[in-house]
């Protein structure tokens, strides 16, 4: 069954069931993302990124988060 077919069926559901389905899908997709992230961490995919970030921190090449958040270019 395709996603389009599922959507057509979902459109026939009462609002309460659509909301329940949305919550279930949200939980399901969040679990999938979490599992992929955990697998990437375990495989070492972020090791170099973490090492680079620590080197930048130790070298004083970072800026406080509040300076980034208050940057008008980000608004």
C-alpha atoms as a PDB file:
ATOM      1  CA  UNK A   1       0.000   0.000   0.000  1.00  0.00           C
ATOM      2  CA  UNK A   2       1.329   3.450  -0.877  1.00  0.00           C
ATOM      3  CA  UNK A   3       1.434   6.525   1.317  1.00  0.00           C
ATOM      4  CA  UNK A   4      -1.155   8.144  -0.964  1.00  0.00           C
ATOM      5  CA  UNK A   5      -3.493   5.206  -0.405  1.00  0.00           C
ATOM      6  CA  UNK A   6      -2.997   5.429   3.351  1.00  0.00           C
ATOM      7  CA  UNK A   7      -3.730   9.175   3.210  1.00  0.00           C
ATOM      8  CA  UNK A   8      -6.958   8.530   1.322  1.00  0.00           C
ATOM      9  CA  UNK A   9      -8.021   6.040   3.982  1.00  0.00           C
ATOM     10  CA  UNK A  10      -7.000   8.388   6.775  1.00  0.00           C
ATOM     11  CA  UNK A  11      -9.205  11.116   5.297  1.00  0.00           C
ATOM     12  CA  UNK A  12     -12.177   8.863   5.951  1.00  0.00           C
ATOM     13  CA  UNK A  13     -11.450   8.547   9.679  1.00  0.00           C
ATOM     14  CA  UNK A  14     -13.193  10.580  12.351  1.00  0.00           C
ATOM     15  CA  UNK A  15     -11.136  13.522  13.628  1.00  0.00           C
ATOM     16  CA  UNK A  16     -10.339  11.802  16.937  1.00  0.00           C
ATOM     17  CA  UNK A  17      -8.855   8.787  15.150  1.00  0.00           C
ATOM     18  CA  UNK A  18      -6.859  11.003  12.785  1.00  0.00           C
ATOM     19  CA  UNK A  19      -5.328  12.742  15.800  1.00  0.00           C
ATOM     20  CA  UNK A  20      -4.569   9.372  17.417  1.00  0.00           C
ATOM     21  CA  UNK A  21      -2.964   8.187  14.172  1.00  0.00           C
ATOM     22  CA  UNK A  22      -0.879  11.344  13.968  1.00  0.00           C
ATOM     23  CA  UNK A  23       0.417  10.795  17.512  1.00  0.00           C
ATOM     24  CA  UNK A  24       1.271   7.192  16.720  1.00  0.00           C
ATOM     25  CA  UNK A  25       3.107   8.181  13.546  1.00  0.00           C
ATOM     26  CA  UNK A  26       4.973  10.916  15.398  1.00  0.00           C
ATOM     27  CA  UNK A  27       6.121   8.449  18.046  1.00  0.00           C
ATOM     28  CA  UNK A  28       7.048   5.876  15.421  1.00  0.00           C
ATOM     29  CA  UNK A  29       9.094   8.296  13.325  1.00  0.00           C
ATOM     30  CA  UNK A  30      10.802   9.753  16.412  1.00  0.00           C
ATOM     31  CA  UNK A  31      11.814   6.233  17.414  1.00  0.00           C
ATOM     32  CA  UNK A  32      13.239   5.584  13.933  1.00  0.00           C
ATOM     33  CA  UNK A  33      15.252   8.815  14.028  1.00  0.00           C
ATOM     34  CA  UNK A  34      16.533   8.014  17.523  1.00  0.00           C
ATOM     35  CA  UNK A  35      17.615   4.540  16.421  1.00  0.00           C
ATOM     36  CA  UNK A  36      19.458   5.907  13.370  1.00  0.00           C
ATOM     37  CA  UNK A  37      21.171   8.555  15.490  1.00  0.00           C
ATOM     38  CA  UNK A  38      22.211   5.983  18.100  1.00  0.00           C
ATOM     39  CA  UNK A  39      23.583   3.716  15.371  1.00  0.00           C
ATOM     40  CA  UNK A  40      25.562   6.619  13.900  1.00  0.00           C
ATOM     41  CA  UNK A  41      26.999   7.470  17.321  1.00  0.00           C
ATOM     42  CA  UNK A  42      27.940   3.833  17.981  1.00  0.00           C
ATOM     43  CA  UNK A  43      29.577   3.554  14.537  1.00  0.00           C
ATOM     44  CA  UNK A  44      31.812   6.508  15.315  1.00  0.00           C
ATOM     45  CA  UNK A  45      30.250   8.779  12.693  1.00  0.00           C
ATOM     46  CA  UNK A  46      30.479  11.785  15.024  1.00  0.00           C
ATOM     47  CA  UNK A  47      33.863  11.064  16.617  1.00  0.00           C
ATOM     48  CA  UNK A  48      35.850  13.417  14.386  1.00  0.00           C
ATOM     49  CA  UNK A  49      33.212  16.139  14.677  1.00  0.00           C
ATOM     50  CA  UNK A  50      33.350  15.887  18.473  1.00  0.00           C
ATOM     51  CA  UNK A  51      37.158  15.953  18.478  1.00  0.00           C
ATOM     52  CA  UNK A  52      37.153  19.045  16.234  1.00  0.00           C
ATOM     53  CA  UNK A  53      34.628  20.778  18.491  1.00  0.00           C
ATOM     54  CA  UNK A  54      36.745  20.069  21.584  1.00  0.00           C
ATOM     55  CA  UNK A  55      39.855  21.428  19.847  1.00  0.00           C
ATOM     56  CA  UNK A  56      37.998  24.614  18.889  1.00  0.00           C
ATOM     57  CA  UNK A  57      36.784  25.003  22.461  1.00  0.00           C
ATOM     58  CA  UNK A  58      40.253  24.490  23.923  1.00  0.00           C
ATOM     59  CA  UNK A  59      41.735  26.950  21.395  1.00  0.00           C
ATOM     60  CA  UNK A  60      39.184  29.593  22.357  1.00  0.00           C
ATOM     61  CA  UNK A  61      37.615  29.620  18.889  1.00  0.00           C
ATOM     62  CA  UNK A  62      34.041  29.413  20.157  1.00  0.00           C
ATOM     63  CA  UNK A  63      31.534  32.126  21.030  1.00  0.00           C
ATOM     64  CA  UNK A  64      28.862  32.086  23.728  1.00  0.00           C
ATOM     65  CA  UNK A  65      25.515  30.716  22.622  1.00  0.00           C
ATOM     66  CA  UNK A  66      23.661  33.872  23.657  1.00  0.00           C
ATOM     67  CA  UNK A  67      25.760  35.852  21.170  1.00  0.00           C
ATOM     68  CA  UNK A  68      24.672  33.496  18.414  1.00  0.00           C
ATOM     69  CA  UNK A  69      21.033  33.584  19.471  1.00  0.00           C
ATOM     70  CA  UNK A  70      20.994  37.386  19.577  1.00  0.00           C
ATOM     71  CA  UNK A  71      22.614  37.770  16.161  1.00  0.00           C
ATOM     72  CA  UNK A  72      20.168  39.896  14.113  1.00  0.00           C
ATOM     73  CA  UNK A  73      21.135  37.985  10.964  1.00  0.00           C
ATOM     74  CA  UNK A  74      19.436  34.908  12.425  1.00  0.00           C
ATOM     75  CA  UNK A  75      16.080  36.614  13.001  1.00  0.00           C
END
